[in-house]
Protein backbone atom coordinates (compact mmCIF):
# COMPACT_ATOMS: atom_id res chain seq x y z
CA UNK A 1 0.00 0.00 0.00
CA UNK A 2 1.02 3.62 -0.42
CA UNK A 3 3.09 4.94 2.45
CA UNK A 4 4.51 8.43 2.96
CA UNK A 5 6.67 9.04 6.00
CA UNK A 6 7.87 12.55 6.79
CA UNK A 7 10.87 13.30 8.97
CA UNK A 8 13.28 16.09 9.81
CA UNK A 9 11.00 18.53 11.57
CA UNK A 10 11.99 20.27 14.77
CA UNK A 11 12.66 23.56 16.50
CA UNK A 12 14.75 26.17 14.71
CA UNK A 13 15.51 29.82 15.39
CA UNK A 14 14.30 32.58 13.07
CA UNK A 15 16.66 32.93 10.13
CA UNK A 16 17.74 29.33 10.42
CA UNK A 17 17.44 26.40 8.04
CA UNK A 18 15.85 22.98 8.13
CA UNK A 19 15.34 20.15 5.65
CA UNK A 20 12.35 17.87 5.86
CA UNK A 21 12.14 14.57 4.00
CA UNK A 22 9.37 12.30 2.82
CA UNK A 23 10.13 8.64 2.17
CA UNK A 24 7.66 7.01 -0.20
CA UNK A 25 6.76 3.41 -0.95
CA UNK A 26 4.03 1.34 -2.53
CA UNK A 27 3.78 3.14 -5.86
CA UNK A 28 5.84 4.25 -8.87
CA UNK A 29 7.48 7.21 -7.22
CA UNK A 30 9.50 8.41 -10.21
CA UNK A 31 6.41 9.18 -12.28
CA UNK A 32 4.31 10.81 -9.55
CA UNK A 33 3.96 14.47 -8.77
CA UNK A 34 4.90 15.12 -5.15
CA UNK A 35 3.93 18.09 -3.03
CA UNK A 36 4.55 19.64 0.34
CA UNK A 37 1.70 21.27 2.22
CA UNK A 38 1.59 22.85 5.64
CA UNK A 39 -1.06 23.58 8.22
CA UNK A 40 -0.61 26.06 11.02
CA UNK A 41 -2.70 25.87 14.17
CA UNK A 42 -6.17 27.21 13.47
CA UNK A 43 -5.54 27.66 9.76
CA UNK A 44 -6.34 25.75 6.60
CA UNK A 45 -3.82 23.47 4.96
CA UNK A 46 -1.93 25.26 2.20
CA UNK A 47 0.28 24.24 -0.68
CA UNK A 48 3.97 25.02 -0.20
CA UNK A 49 5.65 23.45 -3.22
CA UNK A 50 5.24 20.76 -5.88
CA UNK A 51 7.61 18.86 -8.15
CA UNK A 52 6.81 16.65 -11.12
CA UNK A 53 8.14 13.14 -11.54
CA UNK A 54 10.74 14.17 -14.08
CA UNK A 55 11.76 17.24 -12.06
CA UNK A 56 10.83 19.41 -15.04
CA UNK A 57 8.05 21.23 -13.19
CA UNK A 58 8.44 22.96 -9.83
CA UNK A 59 5.89 25.25 -8.26
CA UNK A 60 6.12 27.34 -5.09
CA UNK A 61 3.72 29.37 -3.01
CA UNK A 62 4.58 33.06 -3.24
CA UNK A 63 5.26 33.25 0.48
CA UNK A 64 8.14 30.75 0.27
CA UNK A 65 9.66 31.63 -3.14
CA UNK A 66 13.37 32.30 -2.84
CA UNK A 67 13.55 30.67 0.61
CA UNK A 68 12.35 27.08 0.10
CA UNK A 69 13.53 24.50 -2.45
CA UNK A 70 11.75 21.27 -3.30
CA UNK A 71 13.78 18.39 -4.73
CA UNK A 72 13.54 14.66 -5.16
CA UNK A 73 15.78 11.62 -5.39
CA UNK A 74 13.98 9.03 -7.48
CA UNK A 75 16.61 6.40 -6.65
CA UNK A 76 15.76 6.78 -2.96
CA UNK A 77 12.01 7.35 -3.42
CA UNK A 78 12.34 10.50 -1.35
CA UNK A 79 11.22 14.09 -1.74
CA UNK A 80 12.81 16.92 0.21
CA UNK A 81 11.95 20.44 1.23
CA UNK A 82 14.93 22.64 2.05
CA UNK A 83 13.78 25.62 4.09
CA UNK A 84 16.06 28.63 4.55
CA UNK A 85 15.58 32.03 6.19
CA UNK A 86 12.81 30.57 8.30
CA UNK A 87 10.30 32.89 9.94
CA UNK A 88 7.99 32.34 12.91
CA UNK A 89 5.06 32.33 10.49
CA UNK A 90 6.53 29.21 8.85
CA UNK A 91 5.62 27.29 12.01
CA UNK A 92 3.26 24.49 11.00
CA UNK A 93 2.86 20.78 10.50
CA UNK A 94 4.38 19.95 7.11
CA UNK A 95 2.72 17.20 5.08
CA UNK A 96 3.88 15.28 2.05
CA UNK A 97 1.34 14.45 -0.64
CA UNK A 98 1.49 12.08 -3.60
CA UNK A 99 -0.84 12.34 -6.57
CA UNK A 100 -1.35 8.90 -8.11
CA UNK A 101 -3.86 8.36 -10.92
CA UNK A 102 -6.00 11.29 -9.77
CA UNK A 103 -6.00 10.05 -6.18
CA UNK A 104 -4.21 11.82 -3.35
CA UNK A 105 -2.27 10.23 -0.52
CA UNK A 106 -0.94 12.01 2.55
CA UNK A 107 1.74 11.40 5.13
CA UNK A 108 1.25 11.89 8.86
CA UNK A 109 3.13 15.20 8.94
CA UNK A 110 6.15 16.57 10.74
CA UNK A 111 6.11 19.59 13.05
CA UNK A 112 8.31 22.57 12.23
CA UNK A 113 8.54 25.27 14.88
CA UNK A 114 10.39 28.53 14.25
CA UNK A 115 10.98 30.34 17.52
CA UNK A 116 13.71 31.99 19.53
């Protein structure tokens, strides 16, 4: 079955960096579009970034452009989100999503807290 397991979250100071990872299994990872979403307490879940299977297409939310980078390693079935210049408003649970044949699958999320 499809499994998405996020890791790498934690506490970081404002201006710092963090990389979260999502290990995937149970489907053809290399041909699937992968996305990162986040949900802050009391807010709706929002798209952060997406990357196509062939890495040709990348899309970012305006609020993270220039600070976050999405990448993938198809040999390791893993998608990453490198987050730089973090701000307190980036605090949220970060979720990995796979789009497979018009269906969507989600991981359990990893908490990222930006605070001094």
